[in-house]
Amino acid sequence: MRKISFKLLTQSSLVSIETSARTFGELKTAVSEAGLEISFTNNQFIDKATKVAYSKIDDAVLPATECILFVVPLQTKSGVDVDSMTYLQVRDYVSELNKTQGAKISIIGSAETLRNKVKEFLGGTAPASSIDVKACLQSIRESCTNILDQVDVLESMPVNTPEEVAFAVTLKELQAEAEALKKILG
């Protein structure tokens, strides 16, 4: 028997189970029998140590030692269900909307008041639509790589005329922006 822990996005602490499961299919059965609320549909399980991902193949062999599996959705919903949020979650979401989208929503009031303000700002209940998060991140990474490649080419060009000096200033701004994006994306 060994301990397998799950890190869910919805919880701050790990959820653990003692099991002798050797395969991913056996682990699913053990989790179900233990009554843990872990969904195996539309989720991928990534081993923290080896970075091996488990999702569909029941015969996939699990690590023989204790491990932590990150539970990552294969697709996420871009919409937000504010009705199911707690008071603190709604306040955090309002703060995030204020920072990222300039919502200017007051964080003072009851949970229901805040929910209504969020719905009003979003234009009613935000529709949920599936996005492929991995594809989006890959697209952003490719864009950043292209920008950095252009910066490298532009850096190697000699600067002689006033137009080229202005171009070099713009180049520095592009470099700074590309580096900032690179830091955000890791």
Protein backbone atom coordinates (compact mmCIF):
# COMPACT_ATOMS: atom_id res chain seq x y z
CA MET A 1 0.00 0.00 0.00
CA ARG A 2 1.12 3.53 -0.77
CA LYS A 3 -0.38 6.97 -0.60
CA ILE A 4 -1.48 8.66 -3.82
CA SER A 5 -2.44 12.29 -3.41
CA PHE A 6 -4.46 14.45 -5.79
CA LYS A 7 -4.07 18.22 -6.18
CA LEU A 8 -7.41 19.57 -7.36
CA LEU A 9 -7.73 23.10 -8.74
CA THR A 10 -10.79 23.67 -6.54
CA GLN A 11 -9.05 22.86 -3.25
CA SER A 12 -5.96 24.19 -1.52
CA SER A 13 -5.09 20.94 0.26
CA LEU A 14 -4.30 17.54 -1.20
CA VAL A 15 -6.84 14.73 -1.33
CA SER A 16 -5.16 11.39 -0.56
CA ILE A 17 -5.92 7.71 -0.75
CA GLU A 18 -4.03 4.63 0.47
CA THR A 19 -4.05 2.09 -2.34
CA SER A 20 -2.19 -0.78 -3.91
CA ALA A 21 -3.49 0.10 -7.40
CA ARG A 22 -0.91 -0.66 -10.05
CA THR A 23 -2.75 0.76 -13.07
CA PHE A 24 -4.75 3.89 -13.77
CA GLY A 25 -7.94 1.79 -14.14
CA GLU A 26 -7.40 0.23 -10.70
CA LEU A 27 -6.85 3.72 -9.26
CA LYS A 28 -10.18 4.90 -10.71
CA THR A 29 -11.92 1.97 -9.02
CA ALA A 30 -10.16 2.61 -5.69
CA VAL A 31 -11.08 6.32 -5.76
CA SER A 32 -14.70 5.50 -6.56
CA GLU A 33 -14.90 2.89 -3.78
CA ALA A 34 -13.36 5.35 -1.30
CA GLY A 35 -16.07 7.88 -2.15
CA LEU A 36 -13.66 10.64 -3.12
CA GLU A 37 -15.16 13.36 -5.30
CA ILE A 38 -12.63 13.20 -8.11
CA SER A 39 -13.90 13.20 -11.68
CA PHE A 40 -12.03 11.09 -14.21
CA THR A 41 -14.00 12.44 -17.19
CA ASN A 42 -12.46 15.39 -19.05
CA ASN A 43 -9.54 15.51 -16.61
CA GLN A 44 -5.91 14.65 -17.04
CA PHE A 45 -3.76 13.44 -14.13
CA ILE A 46 -0.12 14.53 -14.21
CA ASP A 47 2.45 12.94 -11.91
CA LYS A 48 4.39 15.68 -10.13
CA ALA A 49 7.72 13.83 -10.16
CA THR A 50 7.80 12.27 -13.63
CA LYS A 51 5.39 14.61 -15.50
CA VAL A 52 3.65 11.54 -16.95
CA ALA A 53 0.03 12.27 -17.88
CA TYR A 54 -2.79 9.79 -17.30
CA SER A 55 -6.28 10.22 -18.70
CA LYS A 56 -7.81 7.59 -20.97
CA ILE A 57 -5.67 4.43 -20.86
CA ASP A 58 -6.76 2.24 -17.96
CA ASP A 59 -3.76 -0.08 -18.41
CA ALA A 60 -1.24 2.76 -17.85
CA VAL A 61 1.12 1.76 -15.04
CA LEU A 62 1.24 4.09 -12.04
CA PRO A 63 4.40 4.96 -10.09
CA ALA A 64 5.27 2.23 -7.56
CA THR A 65 5.97 4.79 -4.81
CA GLU A 66 3.95 7.54 -3.20
CA CYS A 67 3.06 10.25 -5.67
CA ILE A 68 1.11 13.45 -6.21
CA LEU A 69 -1.16 13.69 -9.24
CA PHE A 70 -2.25 17.12 -10.45
CA VAL A 71 -5.86 17.02 -11.70
CA VAL A 72 -6.00 19.26 -14.78
CA PRO A 73 -9.10 19.76 -16.93
CA LEU A 74 -8.63 18.83 -20.58
CA GLN A 75 -10.94 21.71 -21.51
CA THR A 76 -12.05 24.61 -19.37
CA LYS A 77 -15.11 26.79 -19.42
CA SER A 78 -14.51 30.45 -20.06
CA GLY A 79 -17.85 31.36 -18.51
CA VAL A 80 -18.21 31.94 -14.80
CA ASP A 81 -20.99 30.62 -12.58
CA VAL A 82 -21.16 33.38 -9.97
CA ASP A 83 -24.29 31.86 -8.42
CA SER A 84 -22.29 28.93 -7.05
CA MET A 85 -19.49 31.12 -5.60
CA THR A 86 -19.09 31.79 -1.89
CA TYR A 87 -18.97 35.38 -0.62
CA LEU A 88 -15.16 35.41 -0.54
CA GLN A 89 -14.92 33.90 -4.03
CA VAL A 90 -17.28 36.55 -5.43
CA ARG A 91 -15.23 39.31 -3.75
CA ASP A 92 -12.01 37.88 -5.20
CA TYR A 93 -13.63 37.65 -8.63
CA VAL A 94 -14.85 41.26 -8.39
CA SER A 95 -11.33 42.37 -7.44
CA GLU A 96 -9.96 40.48 -10.44
CA LEU A 97 -12.55 42.07 -12.77
CA ASN A 98 -11.65 45.49 -11.38
CA LYS A 99 -7.94 44.91 -11.99
CA THR A 100 -8.03 43.18 -15.36
CA GLN A 101 -11.11 44.68 -17.01
CA GLY A 102 -11.57 48.01 -15.22
CA ALA A 103 -15.00 46.95 -13.96
CA LYS A 104 -15.12 49.50 -11.10
CA ILE A 105 -17.46 47.26 -9.08
CA SER A 106 -17.60 47.99 -5.35
CA ILE A 107 -16.62 45.02 -3.19
CA ILE A 108 -18.93 46.22 -0.43
CA GLY A 109 -22.22 44.39 -0.01
CA SER A 110 -23.73 40.97 0.46
CA ALA A 111 -22.83 37.99 -1.68
CA GLU A 112 -26.09 38.37 -3.59
CA THR A 113 -25.44 42.08 -4.23
CA LEU A 114 -21.97 41.32 -5.53
CA ARG A 115 -23.30 38.48 -7.71
CA ASN A 116 -25.87 40.84 -9.25
CA LYS A 117 -23.21 43.50 -9.91
CA VAL A 118 -20.98 40.93 -11.60
CA LYS A 119 -23.87 39.66 -13.75
CA GLU A 120 -24.75 43.21 -14.71
CA PHE A 121 -21.14 43.94 -15.69
CA LEU A 122 -20.87 40.72 -17.69
CA GLY A 123 -24.21 41.36 -19.40
CA GLY A 124 -26.15 38.62 -17.66
CA THR A 125 -24.87 35.14 -16.99
CA ALA A 126 -21.64 34.65 -18.84
CA PRO A 127 -22.05 31.85 -21.40
CA ALA A 128 -19.78 28.89 -20.94
CA SER A 129 -17.78 27.92 -24.00
CA SER A 130 -15.09 25.34 -24.27
CA ILE A 131 -11.56 26.43 -25.09
CA ASP A 132 -8.53 24.31 -25.68
CA VAL A 133 -6.18 25.85 -23.08
CA LYS A 134 -3.12 23.99 -24.36
CA ALA A 135 -3.70 25.26 -27.92
CA CYS A 136 -4.12 28.84 -26.66
CA LEU A 137 -0.90 28.68 -24.64
CA GLN A 138 0.94 27.16 -27.59
CA SER A 139 -0.31 29.95 -29.85
CA ILE A 140 0.84 32.60 -27.37
CA ARG A 141 4.21 30.89 -26.99
CA GLU A 142 4.65 30.80 -30.80
CA SER A 143 3.75 34.48 -31.08
CA CYS A 144 6.28 35.39 -28.40
CA THR A 145 8.94 33.27 -30.10
CA ASN A 146 8.25 35.02 -33.41
CA ILE A 147 8.57 38.43 -31.75
CA LEU A 148 11.84 37.45 -30.09
CA ASP A 149 13.17 36.09 -33.41
CA GLN A 150 12.33 39.40 -35.09
CA VAL A 151 14.03 41.28 -32.27
CA ASP A 152 17.19 39.20 -32.73
CA VAL A 153 17.26 39.99 -36.47
CA LEU A 154 16.61 43.69 -35.89
CA GLU A 155 19.31 43.87 -33.21
CA SER A 156 21.93 42.64 -35.65
CA MET A 157 21.18 45.46 -38.11
CA PRO A 158 23.53 48.49 -38.03
CA VAL A 159 22.07 51.82 -36.87
CA ASN A 160 23.28 54.77 -39.00
CA THR A 161 20.48 57.09 -40.10
CA PRO A 162 17.90 59.00 -37.98
CA GLU A 163 15.16 56.65 -39.26
CA GLU A 164 17.20 53.68 -38.04
CA VAL A 165 17.68 55.35 -34.64
CA ALA A 166 13.89 55.73 -34.31
CA PHE A 167 13.58 52.12 -35.41
CA ALA A 168 16.09 51.05 -32.73
CA VAL A 169 14.06 52.84 -30.03
CA THR A 170 10.96 50.95 -31.16
CA LEU A 171 13.04 47.77 -31.15
CA LYS A 172 13.91 48.31 -27.46
CA GLU A 173 10.23 48.75 -26.66
CA LEU A 174 9.42 45.53 -28.54
CA GLN A 175 12.15 43.70 -26.64
CA ALA A 176 10.81 44.89 -23.30
CA GLU A 177 7.29 43.82 -24.22
CA ALA A 178 8.46 40.42 -25.47
CA GLU A 179 10.47 39.81 -22.30
CA ALA A 180 7.46 40.78 -20.15
CA LEU A 181 5.29 38.29 -22.06
CA LYS A 182 7.98 35.65 -21.73
CA LYS A 183 8.05 36.10 -17.94
CA ILE A 184 4.26 35.84 -17.72
CA LEU A 185 4.21 32.63 -19.76
CA GLY A 186 7.15 31.07 -17.98
